[in-house]
Amino acid sequence: MRRLLHALILGLLGAGIVHIVVLFLVPEFSERDAWSRLAMASDLYKMTRLDAEAGGAPVVKSVDPLFYAAACRFNLADGLVRIKAPGDVPFWSASVYDRGGHNIYSFNDHNANGEKLDTVVLTPAQMIDVRRDLPEDLQGAIFVEAPIEEGIFVVRAFVPDESWKPIVSRFLEQSSCELQDD
């Protein structure tokens, strides 16, 4: 009976130590989310390559080796954001994430007009204003209503073989993430 009591006390003490260590490590890990890593790599409204192919360590780990990716952070309190990318690649997909990393909206080149990436991210209130008087240059854009203030826009492009690497890299490097006037 004494051995059982001794083992039980040691188990509870060990579990308590583990829980305390985990609590002290939470801030260390929470500061390394995608938003924070992108913030260290670039400013708001600047497309940043996520894959290691761009040189250096990847900004976000676990990127599929058959896809190159770029992302930009934005703040819709400043105004709506327009993301564009010229050129043709075999396949691209785009996602909008909130600051916590939750996927708000996803689409790909099969949903786009002419398979070109031209997207506007805005709040529902901003969408009401834009609908009143839609600027002509936004006619073909995909509108993403996001009920968030801060977010991340991620573009991924498929690289089927070595010959496509420079084309896909150019597609991502020439992509833009710009704050637009309301």
Protein backbone atom coordinates (compact mmCIF):
# COMPACT_ATOMS: atom_id res chain seq x y z
CA MET A 1 0.00 0.00 0.00
CA ARG A 2 2.91 2.33 0.77
CA ARG A 3 4.43 1.70 -2.66
CA LEU A 4 1.15 2.50 -4.38
CA LEU A 5 0.82 5.73 -2.38
CA HIS A 6 4.46 6.59 -3.14
CA ALA A 7 3.93 5.96 -6.90
CA LEU A 8 0.73 8.00 -6.88
CA ILE A 9 2.43 10.98 -5.21
CA LEU A 10 5.38 10.81 -7.64
CA GLY A 11 2.97 10.62 -10.58
CA LEU A 12 1.01 13.66 -9.41
CA LEU A 13 4.22 15.58 -8.73
CA GLY A 14 5.56 14.70 -12.21
CA ALA A 15 2.28 15.70 -13.86
CA GLY A 16 2.36 19.02 -11.99
CA ILE A 17 5.90 19.73 -13.17
CA VAL A 18 4.99 18.90 -16.79
CA HIS A 19 1.96 21.22 -16.65
CA ILE A 20 4.02 24.08 -15.22
CA VAL A 21 6.67 23.65 -17.95
CA VAL A 22 3.96 23.63 -20.65
CA LEU A 23 2.44 26.82 -19.25
CA PHE A 24 5.82 28.55 -19.35
CA LEU A 25 6.39 27.42 -22.96
CA VAL A 26 3.01 28.62 -24.31
CA PRO A 27 4.19 32.22 -24.88
CA GLU A 28 7.29 30.96 -26.67
CA PHE A 29 5.25 28.93 -29.13
CA SER A 30 2.37 31.38 -29.53
CA GLU A 31 4.75 34.13 -30.69
CA ARG A 32 5.85 31.95 -33.58
CA ASP A 33 2.56 31.75 -35.44
CA ALA A 34 2.34 32.52 -39.15
CA TRP A 35 1.35 36.16 -38.54
CA SER A 36 4.40 36.76 -36.34
CA ARG A 37 6.82 35.02 -38.71
CA LEU A 38 5.48 37.04 -41.65
CA ALA A 39 5.71 40.23 -39.58
CA MET A 40 9.41 39.50 -38.99
CA ALA A 41 9.95 38.83 -42.71
CA SER A 42 8.11 41.81 -44.23
CA ASP A 43 5.70 44.70 -43.75
CA LEU A 44 1.95 44.86 -44.30
CA TYR A 45 0.86 44.80 -47.97
CA LYS A 46 4.10 43.19 -49.17
CA MET A 47 4.09 39.79 -50.85
CA THR A 48 6.62 37.47 -49.21
CA ARG A 49 7.73 34.13 -50.58
CA LEU A 50 7.01 31.31 -48.15
CA ASP A 51 8.98 28.54 -49.83
CA ALA A 52 12.69 27.84 -49.41
CA GLU A 53 13.18 28.19 -53.19
CA ALA A 54 13.18 31.97 -52.77
CA GLY A 55 16.43 31.71 -50.81
CA GLY A 56 16.92 31.19 -47.13
CA ALA A 57 14.72 29.25 -44.75
CA PRO A 58 11.00 29.05 -45.48
CA VAL A 59 8.88 31.54 -43.56
CA VAL A 60 6.22 28.91 -42.85
CA LYS A 61 7.15 25.26 -42.48
CA SER A 62 5.42 22.29 -44.11
CA VAL A 63 5.04 23.88 -47.51
CA ASP A 64 4.34 21.24 -50.18
CA PRO A 65 7.47 20.81 -52.38
CA LEU A 66 5.35 20.76 -55.56
CA PHE A 67 3.93 24.20 -54.75
CA TYR A 68 5.59 27.56 -54.39
CA ALA A 69 3.80 30.05 -52.17
CA ALA A 70 3.71 33.73 -51.27
CA ALA A 71 1.70 35.63 -48.68
CA CYS A 72 0.94 39.14 -47.55
CA ARG A 73 -0.47 40.51 -44.34
CA PHE A 74 -3.18 43.16 -44.47
CA ASN A 75 -5.33 45.33 -42.24
CA LEU A 76 -8.81 46.07 -43.57
CA ALA A 77 -9.19 48.97 -41.13
CA ASP A 78 -6.83 50.83 -43.48
CA GLY A 79 -9.03 50.09 -46.52
CA LEU A 80 -9.66 47.31 -48.98
CA VAL A 81 -6.77 45.22 -50.32
CA ARG A 82 -6.20 44.19 -53.93
CA ILE A 83 -4.03 41.20 -54.83
CA LYS A 84 -2.95 40.66 -58.44
CA ALA A 85 -0.53 38.35 -60.20
CA PRO A 86 0.33 38.44 -63.92
CA GLY A 87 1.16 35.46 -66.07
CA ASP A 88 -0.04 31.92 -66.54
CA VAL A 89 0.91 28.98 -64.36
CA PRO A 90 -0.47 25.42 -64.51
CA PHE A 91 -2.56 25.91 -61.36
CA TRP A 92 -2.85 28.42 -58.55
CA SER A 93 -4.96 28.61 -55.44
CA ALA A 94 -5.54 31.44 -52.99
CA SER A 95 -6.73 31.59 -49.40
CA VAL A 96 -7.62 34.32 -46.95
CA TYR A 97 -6.82 33.63 -43.30
CA ASP A 98 -7.61 35.63 -40.20
CA ARG A 99 -4.79 36.65 -37.88
CA GLY A 100 -5.22 33.44 -35.88
CA GLY A 101 -4.69 31.28 -38.97
CA HIS A 102 -8.31 30.25 -39.54
CA ASN A 103 -9.25 29.90 -43.20
CA ILE A 104 -11.91 32.47 -44.14
CA TYR A 105 -12.12 31.91 -47.90
CA SER A 106 -10.39 29.80 -50.57
CA PHE A 107 -10.57 29.68 -54.35
CA ASN A 108 -8.41 28.73 -57.33
CA ASP A 109 -7.78 29.59 -60.96
CA HIS A 110 -10.87 27.66 -62.08
CA ASN A 111 -13.06 30.17 -60.20
CA ALA A 112 -11.31 33.25 -61.60
CA ASN A 113 -12.17 35.30 -64.68
CA GLY A 114 -9.72 34.33 -67.39
CA GLU A 115 -7.71 32.31 -64.83
CA LYS A 116 -5.84 35.48 -63.78
CA LEU A 117 -5.38 36.32 -60.13
CA ASP A 118 -7.20 39.59 -59.42
CA THR A 119 -8.81 39.70 -56.00
CA VAL A 120 -10.14 42.33 -53.64
CA VAL A 121 -10.43 41.55 -49.93
CA LEU A 122 -12.78 43.80 -47.98
CA THR A 123 -15.16 43.87 -45.03
CA PRO A 124 -18.94 43.57 -45.57
CA ALA A 125 -19.29 47.31 -44.81
CA GLN A 126 -16.64 48.16 -47.41
CA MET A 127 -18.44 45.90 -49.91
CA ILE A 128 -21.62 47.95 -49.51
CA ASP A 129 -19.66 51.12 -50.36
CA VAL A 130 -17.96 49.49 -53.36
CA ARG A 131 -21.28 48.20 -54.73
CA ARG A 132 -22.68 51.73 -54.78
CA ASP A 133 -20.10 52.82 -57.33
CA LEU A 134 -17.97 49.95 -58.63
CA PRO A 135 -14.78 51.32 -60.19
CA GLU A 136 -14.23 50.13 -63.75
CA ASP A 137 -10.79 48.66 -62.95
CA LEU A 138 -12.39 46.29 -60.40
CA GLN A 139 -14.96 44.89 -62.85
CA GLY A 140 -13.24 41.51 -63.32
CA ALA A 141 -11.94 41.06 -59.78
CA ILE A 142 -13.05 38.38 -57.35
CA PHE A 143 -14.44 40.04 -54.22
CA VAL A 144 -13.81 38.33 -50.90
CA GLU A 145 -15.93 39.67 -48.05
CA ALA A 146 -14.01 38.90 -44.88
CA PRO A 147 -15.54 39.71 -41.49
CA ILE A 148 -12.06 40.33 -40.06
CA GLU A 149 -9.80 43.30 -39.51
CA GLU A 150 -6.35 41.76 -39.94
CA GLY A 151 -5.53 38.82 -42.16
CA ILE A 152 -3.14 36.97 -44.42
CA PHE A 153 -3.61 36.33 -48.14
CA VAL A 154 -1.75 33.24 -49.39
CA VAL A 155 -1.16 32.33 -53.05
CA ARG A 156 0.10 28.85 -53.96
CA ALA A 157 1.21 27.87 -57.46
CA PHE A 158 1.83 24.34 -58.75
CA VAL A 159 5.27 23.46 -60.14
CA PRO A 160 4.79 20.29 -62.25
CA ASP A 161 8.48 19.94 -63.19
CA GLU A 162 11.84 21.76 -63.26
CA SER A 163 11.00 23.69 -66.44
CA TRP A 164 8.14 25.48 -64.66
CA LYS A 165 10.21 26.69 -61.68
CA PRO A 166 11.28 30.04 -63.21
CA ILE A 167 7.78 30.73 -64.56
CA VAL A 168 6.08 30.02 -61.24
CA SER A 169 8.74 31.98 -59.34
CA ARG A 170 8.20 34.99 -61.63
CA PHE A 171 4.41 34.66 -61.14
CA LEU A 172 4.81 34.92 -57.37
CA GLU A 173 7.55 37.57 -57.42
CA GLN A 174 5.48 39.82 -59.69
CA SER A 175 2.35 39.41 -57.59
CA SER A 176 1.20 42.48 -55.67
CA CYS A 177 -0.74 43.18 -52.51
CA GLU A 178 -1.85 46.81 -52.43
CA LEU A 179 -3.97 48.93 -50.17
CA GLN A 180 -6.75 50.59 -52.22
CA ASP A 181 -8.61 53.80 -51.50
CA ASP A 182 -12.14 53.17 -50.27
